Amino acid sequence: MTQPEGTAAHMQPARTRIKICGLTREEDVRAAVDAGADAIGLVFYPKSPRYVDVARAAALAEAAGPFVAVTGLFVNADLEDIAHVAERVPLTLLQLHGDETPQFCTQAAQRCRLPFMRAARVRAGLDLVEFADQYRDAAALLLDAFVEGYGGGGHVFDWTLIPPAWLPPTPQASGNPNASGAPRIVLSGGLNAQNVAGAIERVRPYAVDVSSGVEAAKGVKDHARIAAFVRAVRSAEAG
């Protein structure tokens, strides 16, 4: 999860990866890929309005093509259910977004032969350093807002709750803080084209994750908003 200080990744400006989550339509997947998204997210949580079944998910993954990562989002799912999806959908990453224990996450990753990303629902009182240590086997930590239920609900959380050691030394600093000992941070929660540049400047995450911020309706993406979000990310890096 970490890289030693002095590596090329530490010395060079980072390229912020982009994940568009909650996709339900092939045309939206193609719009995300065409705009330059690095990853798409498919939701396998039945209570979500963005839920997709296995057949729909397989079609969406095919629409993404061979060079875009496909993340499967699960919330407190049974191990057999996760394995069933992974056997039928070409996932590249598991996103565990509920109350899954470290042991369960590792077991799911081993069963599916896939890396996993653990979501943290950030709120006052949650020790993110301890959380990261508990989930040290995770390929990344996704930081999301704490709301009732699961998922950030389109809300931005208080970024000052992120441990200072995980942040760049100054707002103008280039490079990724992951190189200085922090986990790979995927920043989520209420991001959109208007605030993502400030988020990148403040947090310098490994990746940003957006869902409702690029939607016309729940599960229906707005292609212009997707393009604007990607442009905002790239502009923030250039600046």
Protein backbone atom coordinates (compact mmCIF):
# COMPACT_ATOMS: atom_id res chain seq x y z
CA MET A 1 0.00 0.00 0.00
CA THR A 2 2.93 2.34 0.46
CA GLN A 3 6.04 3.43 -1.36
CA PRO A 4 9.32 4.57 0.21
CA GLU A 5 10.25 8.22 0.23
CA GLY A 6 12.46 9.33 -2.61
CA THR A 7 10.83 7.13 -5.26
CA ALA A 8 9.82 8.54 -8.62
CA ALA A 9 6.19 8.56 -7.52
CA HIS A 10 7.12 10.78 -4.60
CA MET A 11 9.16 13.21 -6.68
CA GLN A 12 6.83 13.57 -9.67
CA PRO A 13 3.34 15.10 -9.75
CA ALA A 14 0.66 12.44 -9.39
CA ARG A 15 -1.96 11.59 -11.96
CA THR A 16 -5.25 11.43 -10.11
CA ARG A 17 -7.22 8.37 -11.14
CA ILE A 18 -10.93 8.79 -11.80
CA LYS A 19 -13.71 6.32 -10.98
CA ILE A 20 -17.29 6.86 -12.13
CA CYS A 21 -19.53 4.78 -9.87
CA GLY A 22 -23.13 3.63 -9.90
CA LEU A 23 -23.40 3.00 -13.65
CA THR A 24 -26.49 1.20 -14.93
CA ARG A 25 -26.54 1.90 -18.69
CA GLU A 26 -24.12 0.98 -21.47
CA GLU A 27 -24.28 4.45 -22.99
CA ASP A 28 -23.20 5.95 -19.67
CA VAL A 29 -20.28 3.53 -19.44
CA ARG A 30 -19.15 4.51 -22.92
CA ALA A 31 -19.45 8.21 -22.03
CA ALA A 32 -17.30 7.67 -18.93
CA VAL A 33 -14.65 5.78 -20.91
CA ASP A 34 -14.65 8.35 -23.74
CA ALA A 35 -14.22 11.16 -21.21
CA GLY A 36 -11.13 9.47 -19.78
CA ALA A 37 -12.30 7.59 -16.67
CA ASP A 38 -9.85 5.02 -15.34
CA ALA A 39 -12.47 2.88 -13.63
CA ILE A 40 -16.20 2.29 -13.43
CA GLY A 41 -18.14 1.11 -10.40
CA LEU A 42 -21.02 -1.38 -10.47
CA VAL A 43 -23.26 -1.60 -7.42
CA PHE A 44 -24.35 -5.04 -6.21
CA TYR A 45 -26.22 -3.77 -3.15
CA PRO A 46 -29.91 -4.59 -3.76
CA LYS A 47 -31.19 -1.67 -1.66
CA SER A 48 -29.37 0.87 -3.82
CA PRO A 49 -31.24 2.66 -6.65
CA ARG A 50 -28.08 2.02 -8.71
CA TYR A 51 -28.17 -1.75 -8.17
CA VAL A 52 -27.44 -3.97 -11.17
CA ASP A 53 -27.88 -7.72 -11.43
CA VAL A 54 -25.23 -10.05 -12.78
CA ALA A 55 -26.47 -10.08 -16.38
CA ARG A 56 -26.66 -6.27 -16.55
CA ALA A 57 -23.27 -5.95 -14.87
CA ALA A 58 -21.66 -8.29 -17.39
CA ALA A 59 -22.99 -6.17 -20.25
CA LEU A 60 -21.73 -2.98 -18.60
CA ALA A 61 -18.29 -4.48 -18.04
CA GLU A 62 -18.13 -5.49 -21.69
CA ALA A 63 -19.03 -1.94 -22.72
CA ALA A 64 -16.12 -0.63 -20.66
CA GLY A 65 -13.60 -2.43 -22.85
CA PRO A 66 -10.29 -4.04 -21.91
CA PHE A 67 -8.35 -1.08 -20.47
CA VAL A 68 -10.79 0.27 -17.88
CA ALA A 69 -10.95 -1.18 -14.37
CA VAL A 70 -14.30 -2.60 -13.25
CA THR A 71 -15.04 -2.30 -9.53
CA GLY A 72 -17.77 -4.31 -7.86
CA LEU A 73 -19.35 -2.59 -4.85
CA PHE A 74 -20.79 -4.84 -2.14
CA VAL A 75 -22.41 -4.02 1.20
CA ASN A 76 -22.41 -6.76 3.84
CA ALA A 77 -22.85 -9.42 1.16
CA ASP A 78 -22.33 -13.12 1.80
CA LEU A 79 -19.03 -14.54 0.63
CA GLU A 80 -20.83 -16.89 -1.74
CA ASP A 81 -22.76 -14.00 -3.30
CA ILE A 82 -19.56 -12.05 -3.91
CA ALA A 83 -17.89 -15.10 -5.42
CA HIS A 84 -20.95 -15.73 -7.62
CA VAL A 85 -20.70 -12.22 -9.07
CA ALA A 86 -16.93 -12.41 -9.53
CA GLU A 87 -17.26 -15.68 -11.44
CA ARG A 88 -19.66 -14.11 -13.96
CA VAL A 89 -18.53 -10.48 -14.21
CA PRO A 90 -14.92 -9.57 -15.15
CA LEU A 91 -14.23 -7.48 -12.06
CA THR A 92 -10.77 -6.11 -11.36
CA LEU A 93 -11.41 -4.87 -7.80
CA LEU A 94 -13.81 -5.56 -4.92
CA GLN A 95 -15.16 -2.52 -3.07
CA LEU A 96 -16.41 -3.53 0.37
CA HIS A 97 -18.62 -0.74 1.61
CA GLY A 98 -20.43 -2.09 4.64
CA ASP A 99 -19.35 -3.43 8.02
CA GLU A 100 -17.04 -6.14 6.68
CA THR A 101 -14.28 -7.22 9.05
CA PRO A 102 -10.62 -7.31 8.01
CA GLN A 103 -10.76 -11.10 8.06
CA PHE A 104 -13.81 -11.19 5.80
CA CYS A 105 -12.26 -8.72 3.33
CA THR A 106 -9.11 -10.79 3.05
CA GLN A 107 -11.12 -13.98 2.69
CA ALA A 108 -13.27 -12.47 -0.08
CA ALA A 109 -10.19 -11.21 -1.93
CA GLN A 110 -8.55 -14.62 -1.73
CA ARG A 111 -11.71 -16.44 -2.79
CA CYS A 112 -12.21 -14.17 -5.82
CA ARG A 113 -8.49 -13.76 -6.53
CA LEU A 114 -8.98 -10.01 -6.66
CA PRO A 115 -7.64 -7.07 -4.65
CA PHE A 116 -10.08 -5.22 -2.43
CA MET A 117 -10.73 -1.60 -1.51
CA ARG A 118 -12.27 -0.91 1.89
CA ALA A 119 -14.64 2.03 2.37
CA ALA A 120 -14.45 4.14 5.51
CA ARG A 121 -17.53 6.18 6.42
CA VAL A 122 -15.72 9.17 7.86
CA ARG A 123 -17.07 10.88 10.96
CA ALA A 124 -15.70 12.45 14.12
CA GLY A 125 -14.43 9.72 16.42
CA LEU A 126 -13.34 7.34 13.68
CA ASP A 127 -9.58 6.79 13.96
CA LEU A 128 -8.57 6.50 10.32
CA VAL A 129 -4.99 5.56 11.16
CA GLU A 130 -6.24 2.62 13.23
CA PHE A 131 -8.79 1.76 10.53
CA ALA A 132 -6.06 1.71 7.88
CA ASP A 133 -3.91 -0.52 10.08
CA GLN A 134 -6.78 -2.96 10.56
CA TYR A 135 -7.33 -3.13 6.80
CA ARG A 136 -3.66 -3.13 5.87
CA ASP A 137 -4.30 -5.80 3.21
CA ALA A 138 -6.50 -3.38 1.25
CA ALA A 139 -5.23 -2.09 -2.07
CA ALA A 140 -6.79 1.28 -1.20
CA LEU A 141 -9.06 3.02 1.29
CA LEU A 142 -12.12 4.86 0.00
CA LEU A 143 -13.07 7.77 2.22
CA ASP A 144 -16.79 8.55 2.08
CA ALA A 145 -19.24 10.64 4.08
CA PHE A 146 -21.06 9.05 7.01
CA VAL A 147 -24.83 9.09 6.51
CA GLU A 148 -27.68 6.81 7.52
CA GLY A 149 -27.44 3.65 5.47
CA TYR A 150 -24.46 3.00 3.23
CA GLY A 151 -22.96 5.36 0.69
CA GLY A 152 -22.24 9.03 1.08
CA GLY A 153 -25.62 10.25 -0.11
CA GLY A 154 -24.00 13.02 -2.14
CA HIS A 155 -22.58 14.70 0.97
CA VAL A 156 -19.06 16.06 1.41
CA PHE A 157 -17.40 15.02 4.67
CA ASP A 158 -15.07 17.19 6.73
CA TRP A 159 -11.68 16.76 5.07
CA THR A 160 -9.95 17.99 8.24
CA LEU A 161 -10.77 14.56 9.69
CA ILE A 162 -8.19 13.03 7.35
CA PRO A 163 -4.95 12.46 9.30
CA PRO A 164 -2.50 15.31 8.60
CA ALA A 165 0.26 12.81 7.86
CA TRP A 166 -1.76 11.60 4.89
CA LEU A 167 -1.99 15.07 3.35
CA PRO A 168 0.55 17.00 1.27
CA PRO A 169 2.76 19.32 3.34
CA THR A 170 1.30 22.45 1.69
CA PRO A 171 -1.79 23.12 -0.39
CA GLN A 172 0.48 23.72 -3.37
CA ALA A 173 2.49 20.53 -2.94
CA SER A 174 2.72 18.18 -5.87
CA GLY A 175 3.00 14.44 -5.71
CA ASN A 176 0.90 11.89 -3.89
CA PRO A 177 0.93 11.66 -0.07
CA ASN A 178 0.67 7.90 -0.40
CA ALA A 179 4.39 7.95 -1.14
CA SER A 180 5.12 9.23 2.38
CA GLY A 181 3.54 6.36 4.24
CA ALA A 182 -0.22 6.87 3.83
CA PRO A 183 -2.52 4.29 2.28
CA ARG A 184 -3.76 4.84 -1.23
CA ILE A 185 -6.66 7.22 -0.68
CA VAL A 186 -9.70 7.23 -2.94
CA LEU A 187 -11.68 10.35 -2.10
CA SER A 188 -15.45 10.18 -2.40
CA GLY A 189 -18.49 11.89 -0.94
CA GLY A 190 -20.31 14.73 -2.69
CA LEU A 191 -17.69 15.40 -5.35
CA ASN A 192 -18.63 17.21 -8.55
CA ALA A 193 -17.02 19.34 -11.26
CA GLN A 194 -17.25 22.43 -9.05
CA ASN A 195 -15.44 21.12 -5.96
CA VAL A 196 -13.13 18.34 -7.17
CA ALA A 197 -10.23 20.70 -7.94
CA GLY A 198 -10.26 21.97 -4.35
CA ALA A 199 -10.41 18.39 -3.11
CA ILE A 200 -7.36 17.42 -5.15
CA GLU A 201 -5.43 20.48 -4.00
CA ARG A 202 -6.29 19.81 -0.36
CA VAL A 203 -6.02 16.02 -0.16
CA ARG A 204 -3.96 14.89 -3.17
CA PRO A 205 -5.78 11.54 -3.27
CA TYR A 206 -4.67 8.58 -5.33
CA ALA A 207 -8.09 8.66 -6.99
CA VAL A 208 -11.44 10.42 -6.88
CA ASP A 209 -14.79 8.63 -6.98
CA VAL A 210 -18.00 10.27 -8.16
CA SER A 211 -21.57 9.04 -8.56
CA SER A 212 -24.42 11.45 -7.79
CA GLY A 213 -22.27 14.43 -8.78
CA VAL A 214 -22.49 13.41 -12.45
CA GLU A 215 -26.11 12.28 -12.53
CA ALA A 216 -29.30 13.51 -14.12
CA ALA A 217 -31.23 11.08 -11.91
CA LYS A 218 -30.23 8.22 -9.62
CA GLY A 219 -28.46 5.66 -11.78
CA VAL A 220 -28.72 7.83 -14.90
CA LYS A 221 -25.52 9.70 -15.69
CA ASP A 222 -25.32 13.09 -17.38
CA HIS A 223 -22.66 12.81 -20.07
CA ALA A 224 -21.84 16.52 -20.02
CA ARG A 225 -21.33 16.39 -16.25
CA ILE A 226 -19.04 13.38 -16.60
CA ALA A 227 -16.92 15.22 -19.16
CA ALA A 228 -16.84 18.36 -17.01
CA PHE A 229 -15.77 16.34 -13.96
CA VAL A 230 -12.89 14.73 -15.83
CA ARG A 231 -11.80 18.09 -17.24
CA ALA A 232 -11.83 19.59 -13.75
CA VAL A 233 -9.61 16.80 -12.44
CA ARG A 234 -7.11 17.19 -15.25
CA SER A 235 -7.14 20.98 -14.90
CA ALA A 236 -6.41 20.66 -11.18
CA GLU A 237 -3.39 18.51 -11.93
CA ALA A 238 -2.09 20.98 -14.52
CA GLY A 239 -2.49 23.87 -12.11
